[in-house]
Amino acid sequence: MAVCCAPIAREPLSEADAAELAPLLKAVADPVRLRLLSMIGSHPGGEACVCDLTDAFDLTAPTISHHLKVLRTAGLIDCERRGTWVYYWIVPGQVARLGALFTPLAQPATP
């Protein structure tokens, strides 16, 4: 089997698909948000306390909160308050949609 092109290169996205995917791409297009998503996803246990995230950046807590809200609004992460801390985790289906857009799919070779 030959590996073909990614779905985005096989055929044009529909207007509806593009409108649905654009906010996800926009959310991860910021270096801070991309790092936050990576830190949350790679954190032991699959979830991270906001207290584990803030020290990695030279940013104020409200700025970090804003970036987390953008990721949450895009549906890429979810959260839960536990006492005084908020814990975040990745929403696998939403993150997988981003990956699937660019991942090559195996197809039979054409003669």
Protein backbone atom coordinates (compact mmCIF):
# COMPACT_ATOMS: atom_id res chain seq x y z
CA MET A 1 0.00 0.00 0.00
CA ALA A 2 1.18 3.47 -0.83
CA VAL A 3 0.66 6.38 1.50
CA CYS A 4 -1.46 9.04 -0.08
CA CYS A 5 -1.85 12.64 0.71
CA ALA A 6 -3.45 14.08 3.82
CA PRO A 7 -7.20 14.72 3.70
CA ILE A 8 -6.62 18.45 3.30
CA ALA A 9 -4.67 17.75 0.08
CA ARG A 10 -7.06 15.16 -1.39
CA GLU A 11 -10.03 17.45 -1.89
CA PRO A 12 -11.06 20.97 -0.95
CA LEU A 13 -12.67 21.38 2.45
CA SER A 14 -16.33 22.27 2.38
CA GLU A 15 -17.30 25.70 3.64
CA ALA A 16 -18.90 24.11 6.72
CA ASP A 17 -15.83 21.97 7.50
CA ALA A 18 -13.50 24.93 7.11
CA ALA A 19 -15.68 27.06 9.38
CA GLU A 20 -15.72 24.28 11.98
CA LEU A 21 -11.96 23.62 11.89
CA ALA A 22 -10.76 27.24 11.74
CA PRO A 23 -11.36 27.99 15.46
CA LEU A 24 -9.38 24.88 16.42
CA LEU A 25 -6.48 25.92 14.23
CA LYS A 26 -6.68 29.49 15.47
CA ALA A 27 -6.60 28.29 19.08
CA VAL A 28 -3.35 26.37 18.57
CA ALA A 29 -1.76 29.01 16.34
CA ASP A 30 -0.44 30.86 19.39
CA PRO A 31 2.88 29.61 20.86
CA VAL A 32 1.67 29.88 24.47
CA ARG A 33 -1.53 27.95 23.75
CA LEU A 34 0.33 25.32 21.76
CA ARG A 35 2.73 24.83 24.68
CA LEU A 36 -0.14 24.70 27.17
CA LEU A 37 -1.89 22.04 25.09
CA SER A 38 1.31 20.03 24.92
CA MET A 39 1.99 20.41 28.64
CA ILE A 40 -1.53 19.30 29.53
CA GLY A 41 -1.49 16.36 27.14
CA SER A 42 1.91 15.10 28.23
CA HIS A 43 1.37 15.60 31.96
CA PRO A 44 1.45 12.40 34.04
CA GLY A 45 -2.06 11.07 34.48
CA GLY A 46 -3.35 13.00 31.47
CA GLU A 47 -4.41 16.07 33.40
CA ALA A 48 -2.60 19.08 34.80
CA CYS A 49 -3.35 21.49 37.60
CA VAL A 50 -3.18 25.14 36.61
CA CYS A 51 -0.53 25.40 39.34
CA ASP A 52 1.65 23.05 37.25
CA LEU A 53 1.30 25.25 34.17
CA THR A 54 1.80 28.83 35.30
CA ASP A 55 5.45 28.56 36.40
CA ALA A 56 6.55 27.51 32.90
CA PHE A 57 5.70 30.96 31.52
CA ASP A 58 6.83 34.50 32.20
CA LEU A 59 3.20 35.62 32.06
CA THR A 60 0.63 36.75 34.61
CA ALA A 61 -1.99 34.34 35.92
CA PRO A 62 -4.80 36.24 34.14
CA THR A 63 -2.94 35.89 30.84
CA ILE A 64 -2.51 32.14 31.33
CA SER A 65 -6.20 31.93 32.26
CA HIS A 66 -7.10 33.73 29.03
CA HIS A 67 -5.09 31.27 26.94
CA LEU A 68 -6.66 28.30 28.75
CA LYS A 69 -10.10 29.79 28.13
CA VAL A 70 -9.38 30.06 24.40
CA LEU A 71 -8.36 26.39 24.31
CA ARG A 72 -11.45 25.45 26.34
CA THR A 73 -13.79 27.49 24.15
CA ALA A 74 -12.36 25.75 21.08
CA GLY A 75 -13.16 22.43 22.74
CA LEU A 76 -9.54 21.26 22.81
CA ILE A 77 -9.38 21.01 26.61
CA ASP A 78 -11.83 20.69 29.45
CA CYS A 79 -11.47 21.38 33.15
CA GLU A 80 -12.80 20.81 36.63
CA ARG A 81 -12.36 22.84 39.80
CA ARG A 82 -11.12 20.83 42.77
CA GLY A 83 -10.91 22.97 45.85
CA THR A 84 -8.88 26.05 45.00
CA TRP A 85 -7.25 24.57 41.88
CA VAL A 86 -8.52 23.90 38.38
CA TYR A 87 -7.40 20.75 36.57
CA TYR A 88 -7.24 20.55 32.77
CA TRP A 89 -7.19 17.65 30.34
CA ILE A 90 -7.22 17.28 26.56
CA VAL A 91 -10.43 16.40 24.73
CA PRO A 92 -9.05 13.58 22.56
CA GLY A 93 -11.68 13.75 19.81
CA GLN A 94 -11.12 17.43 19.14
CA VAL A 95 -7.34 17.13 19.11
CA ALA A 96 -7.62 14.07 16.87
CA ARG A 97 -9.64 16.13 14.36
CA LEU A 98 -6.68 18.46 13.98
CA GLY A 99 -4.25 15.60 13.53
CA ALA A 100 -6.49 13.78 11.05
CA LEU A 101 -6.59 16.86 8.86
CA PHE A 102 -2.88 16.58 8.12
CA THR A 103 -2.16 12.88 8.64
CA PRO A 104 -1.59 10.89 5.46
CA LEU A 105 -3.96 8.00 4.97
CA ALA A 106 -2.94 4.68 3.48
CA GLN A 107 -4.64 3.91 0.17
CA PRO A 108 -4.06 1.30 -2.48
CA ALA A 109 -1.44 2.32 -4.99
CA THR A 110 -2.79 3.49 -8.33
CA PRO A 111 -1.30 1.86 -11.45
